C-alpha atoms as a PDB file:
ATOM      1  CA  MET A   1     114.681  42.590  86.666  1.00  0.00           C
ATOM      2  CA  SER A   2     115.003  42.748  82.904  1.00  0.00           C
ATOM      3  CA  GLY A   3     114.953  40.537  79.863  1.00  0.00           C
ATOM      4  CA  ASP A   4     115.873  40.996  76.225  1.00  0.00           C
ATOM      5  CA  GLY A   5     114.293  44.355  75.364  1.00  0.00           C
ATOM      6  CA  TYR A   6     111.904  44.490  78.325  1.00  0.00           C
ATOM      7  CA  GLU A   7     111.834  44.924  82.074  1.00  0.00           C
ATOM      8  CA  VAL A   8     109.730  43.291  84.772  1.00  0.00           C
ATOM      9  CA  ARG A   9     108.691  45.453  87.690  1.00  0.00           C
ATOM     10  CA  VAL A  10     106.148  45.657  90.461  1.00  0.00           C
ATOM     11  CA  ALA A  11     103.195  47.664  89.167  1.00  0.00           C
ATOM     12  CA  GLU A  12     103.079  50.384  91.792  1.00  0.00           C
ATOM     13  CA  ASP A  13     101.529  53.266  89.878  1.00  0.00           C
ATOM     14  CA  PRO A  14      98.009  53.401  88.396  1.00  0.00           C
ATOM     15  CA  ALA A  15      99.263  53.332  84.789  1.00  0.00           C
ATOM     16  CA  ASP A  16     101.217  50.110  85.398  1.00  0.00           C
ATOM     17  CA  ARG A  17      98.239  48.489  87.103  1.00  0.00           C
ATOM     18  CA  GLU A  18      95.991  49.451  84.179  1.00  0.00           C
ATOM     19  CA  ALA A  19      98.532  47.890  81.804  1.00  0.00           C
ATOM     20  CA  CYS A  20      98.374  44.678  83.875  1.00  0.00           C
ATOM     21  CA  PHE A  21      94.588  44.622  83.638  1.00  0.00           C
ATOM     22  CA  ALA A  22      94.712  45.306  79.888  1.00  0.00           C
ATOM     23  CA  VAL A  23      97.006  42.297  79.329  1.00  0.00           C
ATOM     24  CA  ARG A  24      94.686  40.109  81.404  1.00  0.00           C
ATOM     25  CA  LYS A  25      91.695  41.284  79.385  1.00  0.00           C
ATOM     26  CA  ASP A  26      93.465  40.516  76.093  1.00  0.00           C
ATOM     27  CA  VAL A  27      94.637  37.061  77.162  1.00  0.00           C
ATOM     28  CA  PHE A  28      91.915  35.751  79.451  1.00  0.00           C
ATOM     29  CA  VAL A  29      88.764  37.539  78.298  1.00  0.00           C
ATOM     30  CA  HIS A  30      89.338  37.952  74.562  1.00  0.00           C
ATOM     31  CA  GLU A  31      91.646  35.034  73.767  1.00  0.00           C
ATOM     32  CA  GLN A  32      90.432  32.385  76.242  1.00  0.00           C
ATOM     33  CA  GLY A  33      86.805  33.466  76.657  1.00  0.00           C
ATOM     34  CA  VAL A  34      86.865  33.924  80.450  1.00  0.00           C
ATOM     35  CA  PRO A  35      83.872  36.067  81.458  1.00  0.00           C
ATOM     36  CA  GLU A  36      85.102  39.564  82.327  1.00  0.00           C
ATOM     37  CA  ASP A  37      83.032  39.668  85.509  1.00  0.00           C
ATOM     38  CA  ILE A  38      85.043  36.786  86.997  1.00  0.00           C
ATOM     39  CA  GLU A  39      88.470  37.810  85.648  1.00  0.00           C
ATOM     40  CA  TYR A  40      88.748  40.746  88.040  1.00  0.00           C
ATOM     41  CA  ASP A  41      88.053  40.131  91.718  1.00  0.00           C
ATOM     42  CA  ALA A  42      88.282  41.615  95.188  1.00  0.00           C
ATOM     43  CA  TYR A  43      91.827  40.231  95.571  1.00  0.00           C
ATOM     44  CA  ASP A  44      93.159  42.621  92.898  1.00  0.00           C
ATOM     45  CA  ALA A  45      93.060  45.624  95.248  1.00  0.00           C
ATOM     46  CA  ASP A  46      95.665  44.270  97.699  1.00  0.00           C
ATOM     47  CA  ALA A  47      97.661  41.933  95.436  1.00  0.00           C
ATOM     48  CA  VAL A  48     101.216  42.573  94.298  1.00  0.00           C
ATOM     49  CA  HIS A  49     100.962  42.949  90.521  1.00  0.00           C
ATOM     50  CA  VAL A  50     104.017  42.569  88.298  1.00  0.00           C
ATOM     51  CA  LEU A  51     104.323  43.909  84.779  1.00  0.00           C
ATOM     52  CA  ALA A  52     106.631  43.006  81.895  1.00  0.00           C
ATOM     53  CA  ILE A  53     106.958  46.027  79.631  1.00  0.00           C
ATOM     54  CA  ARG A  54     109.052  46.924  76.595  1.00  0.00           C
ATOM     55  CA  ALA A  55     111.247  50.014  76.627  1.00  0.00           C
ATOM     56  CA  ASP A  56     108.723  51.706  74.306  1.00  0.00           C
ATOM     57  CA  GLY A  57     105.937  51.191  76.851  1.00  0.00           C
ATOM     58  CA  VAL A  58     104.175  48.207  75.266  1.00  0.00           C
ATOM     59  CA  PRO A  59     103.000  45.798  77.988  1.00  0.00           C
ATOM     60  CA  LEU A  60     104.003  42.175  77.379  1.00  0.00           C
ATOM     61  CA  GLY A  61     102.754  40.278  80.406  1.00  0.00           C
ATOM     62  CA  THR A  62     101.545  40.347  83.972  1.00  0.00           C
ATOM     63  CA  GLY A  63     100.935  38.236  87.041  1.00  0.00           C
ATOM     64  CA  ARG A  64      99.965  38.745  90.667  1.00  0.00           C
ATOM     65  CA  LEU A  65     100.910  37.551  94.117  1.00  0.00           C
ATOM     66  CA  LEU A  66      98.414  37.124  96.918  1.00  0.00           C
ATOM     67  CA  TYR A  67      99.818  36.843 100.432  1.00  0.00           C
ATOM     68  CA  GLY A  68      98.561  36.728 103.993  1.00  0.00           C
ATOM     69  CA  GLU A  69      94.843  36.078 104.488  1.00  0.00           C
ATOM     70  CA  ALA A  70      94.087  36.396 100.759  1.00  0.00           C
ATOM     71  CA  ALA A  71      96.597  33.665  99.894  1.00  0.00           C
ATOM     72  CA  ALA A  72      95.446  31.474 102.787  1.00  0.00           C
ATOM     73  CA  ALA A  73      91.915  31.611 101.378  1.00  0.00           C
ATOM     74  CA  LYS A  74      93.264  30.243  98.092  1.00  0.00           C
ATOM     75  CA  ASN A  75      95.797  27.665  99.349  1.00  0.00           C
ATOM     76  CA  GLY A  76      93.926  25.877 102.100  1.00  0.00           C
ATOM     77  CA  GLY A  77      94.712  28.130 105.028  1.00  0.00           C
ATOM     78  CA  ASP A  78      98.499  28.574 105.155  1.00  0.00           C
ATOM     79  CA  PRO A  79      99.441  32.279 105.465  1.00  0.00           C
ATOM     80  CA  ASP A  80     103.138  31.430 104.899  1.00  0.00           C
ATOM     81  CA  VAL A  81     102.411  30.324 101.321  1.00  0.00           C
ATOM     82  CA  GLY A  82     101.807  32.902  98.609  1.00  0.00           C
ATOM     83  CA  SER A  83      99.429  32.439  95.710  1.00  0.00           C
ATOM     84  CA  LEU A  84     100.679  33.181  92.191  1.00  0.00           C
ATOM     85  CA  GLY A  85      97.869  33.898  89.779  1.00  0.00           C
ATOM     86  CA  ARG A  86      96.609  35.706  86.718  1.00  0.00           C
ATOM     87  CA  LEU A  87      99.864  35.057  84.850  1.00  0.00           C
ATOM     88  CA  ALA A  88      99.321  36.245  81.283  1.00  0.00           C
ATOM     89  CA  VAL A  89     101.670  36.920  78.370  1.00  0.00           C
ATOM     90  CA  THR A  90     100.518  38.566  75.153  1.00  0.00           C
ATOM     91  CA  GLN A  91     100.602  36.429  72.016  1.00  0.00           C
ATOM     92  CA  ALA A  92     103.354  38.593  70.500  1.00  0.00           C
ATOM     93  CA  ALA A  93     105.618  38.069  73.551  1.00  0.00           C
ATOM     94  CA  ARG A  94     105.266  34.316  73.947  1.00  0.00           C
ATOM     95  CA  GLY A  95     108.495  32.367  73.631  1.00  0.00           C
ATOM     96  CA  LEU A  96     110.655  35.331  74.716  1.00  0.00           C
ATOM     97  CA  GLY A  97     111.085  34.288  78.349  1.00  0.00           C
ATOM     98  CA  VAL A  98     108.548  36.812  79.635  1.00  0.00           C
ATOM     99  CA  GLY A  99     106.469  34.238  81.523  1.00  0.00           C
ATOM    100  CA  ALA A 100     109.482  32.828  83.361  1.00  0.00           C
ATOM    101  CA  ALA A 101     110.692  36.353  84.225  1.00  0.00           C
ATOM    102  CA  LEU A 102     107.259  37.192  85.640  1.00  0.00           C
ATOM    103  CA  VAL A 103     107.216  34.015  87.761  1.00  0.00           C
ATOM    104  CA  ARG A 104     110.678  34.784  89.135  1.00  0.00           C
ATOM    105  CA  ALA A 105     109.620  38.373  89.964  1.00  0.00           C
ATOM    106  CA  ILE A 106     106.568  37.063  91.822  1.00  0.00           C
ATOM    107  CA  GLU A 107     108.762  34.608  93.726  1.00  0.00           C
ATOM    108  CA  GLU A 108     111.095  37.481  94.629  1.00  0.00           C
ATOM    109  CA  ALA A 109     108.122  39.462  95.962  1.00  0.00           C
ATOM    110  CA  ALA A 110     107.052  36.394  97.978  1.00  0.00           C
ATOM    111  CA  ARG A 111     110.532  36.024  99.495  1.00  0.00           C
ATOM    112  CA  ALA A 112     110.545  39.726 100.386  1.00  0.00           C
ATOM    113  CA  ARG A 113     107.354  39.108 102.375  1.00  0.00           C
ATOM    114  CA  GLY A 114     108.902  36.153 104.214  1.00  0.00           C
ATOM    115  CA  LEU A 115     106.803  33.487 102.491  1.00  0.00           C
ATOM    116  CA  SER A 116     108.061  29.891 102.470  1.00  0.00           C
ATOM    117  CA  ALA A 117     106.454  28.705  99.224  1.00  0.00           C
ATOM    118  CA  VAL A 118     104.269  29.753  96.306  1.00  0.00           C
ATOM    119  CA  ASP A 119     101.136  27.917  95.182  1.00  0.00           C
ATOM    120  CA  LEU A 120      99.353  28.346  91.877  1.00  0.00           C
ATOM    121  CA  HIS A 121      96.480  26.912  89.880  1.00  0.00           C
ATOM    122  CA  ALA A 122      97.880  26.114  86.428  1.00  0.00           C
ATOM    123  CA  GLN A 123      95.902  25.544  83.287  1.00  0.00           C
ATOM    124  CA  THR A 124      96.744  21.953  82.393  1.00  0.00           C
ATOM    125  CA  HIS A 125      98.367  22.934  79.073  1.00  0.00           C
ATOM    126  CA  ALA A 126     100.882  25.031  81.092  1.00  0.00           C
ATOM    127  CA  LEU A 127     101.989  22.303  83.541  1.00  0.00           C
ATOM    128  CA  GLY A 128     105.299  21.714  81.734  1.00  0.00           C
ATOM    129  CA  PHE A 129     106.133  25.430  81.846  1.00  0.00           C
ATOM    130  CA  TYR A 130     105.708  25.549  85.623  1.00  0.00           C
ATOM    131  CA  GLU A 131     107.452  22.211  86.158  1.00  0.00           C
ATOM    132  CA  ARG A 132     110.523  23.602  84.345  1.00  0.00           C
ATOM    133  CA  LEU A 133     110.471  26.444  86.901  1.00  0.00           C
ATOM    134  CA  GLY A 134     110.475  24.008  89.837  1.00  0.00           C
ATOM    135  CA  TYR A 135     106.753  23.695  90.609  1.00  0.00           C
ATOM    136  CA  GLU A 136     105.243  20.335  91.536  1.00  0.00           C
ATOM    137  CA  VAL A 137     101.682  19.206  90.874  1.00  0.00           C
ATOM    138  CA  TYR A 138      99.454  18.097  93.735  1.00  0.00           C
ATOM    139  CA  GLY A 139      95.782  17.216  93.989  1.00  0.00           C
ATOM    140  CA  PRO A 140      93.266  16.327  91.284  1.00  0.00           C
ATOM    141  CA  GLU A 141      92.395  18.256  88.136  1.00  0.00           C
ATOM    142  CA  PHE A 142      89.581  20.805  88.589  1.00  0.00           C
ATOM    143  CA  PRO A 143      87.762  23.325  86.379  1.00  0.00           C
ATOM    144  CA  ASP A 144      88.215  27.075  86.790  1.00  0.00           C
ATOM    145  CA  ALA A 145      86.267  29.354  84.429  1.00  0.00           C
ATOM    146  CA  GLY A 146      85.537  26.194  82.417  1.00  0.00           C
ATOM    147  CA  ILE A 147      89.266  25.504  81.875  1.00  0.00           C
ATOM    148  CA  PRO A 148      91.001  22.408  83.385  1.00  0.00           C
ATOM    149  CA  HIS A 149      93.555  23.288  86.098  1.00  0.00           C
ATOM    150  CA  ARG A 150      95.921  21.579  88.556  1.00  0.00           C
ATOM    151  CA  ALA A 151      97.337  22.905  91.818  1.00  0.00           C
ATOM    152  CA  MET A 152     101.109  23.319  91.964  1.00  0.00           C
ATOM    153  CA  ARG A 153     103.625  24.466  94.592  1.00  0.00           C
ATOM    154  CA  ARG A 154     107.260  25.515  94.777  1.00  0.00           C
ATOM    155  CA  THR A 155     109.165  25.835  98.025  1.00  0.00           C
ATOM    156  CA  LEU A 156     111.265  29.003  98.087  1.00  0.00           C
END
């Protein structure tokens, strides 16, 4: 999958995964003040990570898909529903369609694993972004890392 001047791919090699983690550190830890010790978790090892990267190797964004037991732990127990998370786009790449391309790549990975839907926990300021991509809000607002969130789902 590619966009204007960048491509989105599954981060299969160590360098791509490190680029994903670097974007998350820039966006969540440095920009949003999420404590580093809670940004990275045990789910990272088995998650499908996706990376948006420019042709010159500059990482622009990332996200991850949890599936199976890991996703069920996040979504209330349904192993047929994936969990999209840790979606982050660098400040320089915002407004270029990178976030939407990452979401679509994660959905593609979910379909490839036979999942019926994708859940996510959206920061409340990002609800409109996800709604434009077909996600629907459910449940009450809740804090995560001190930031207000809402649960959302899209049937695939």
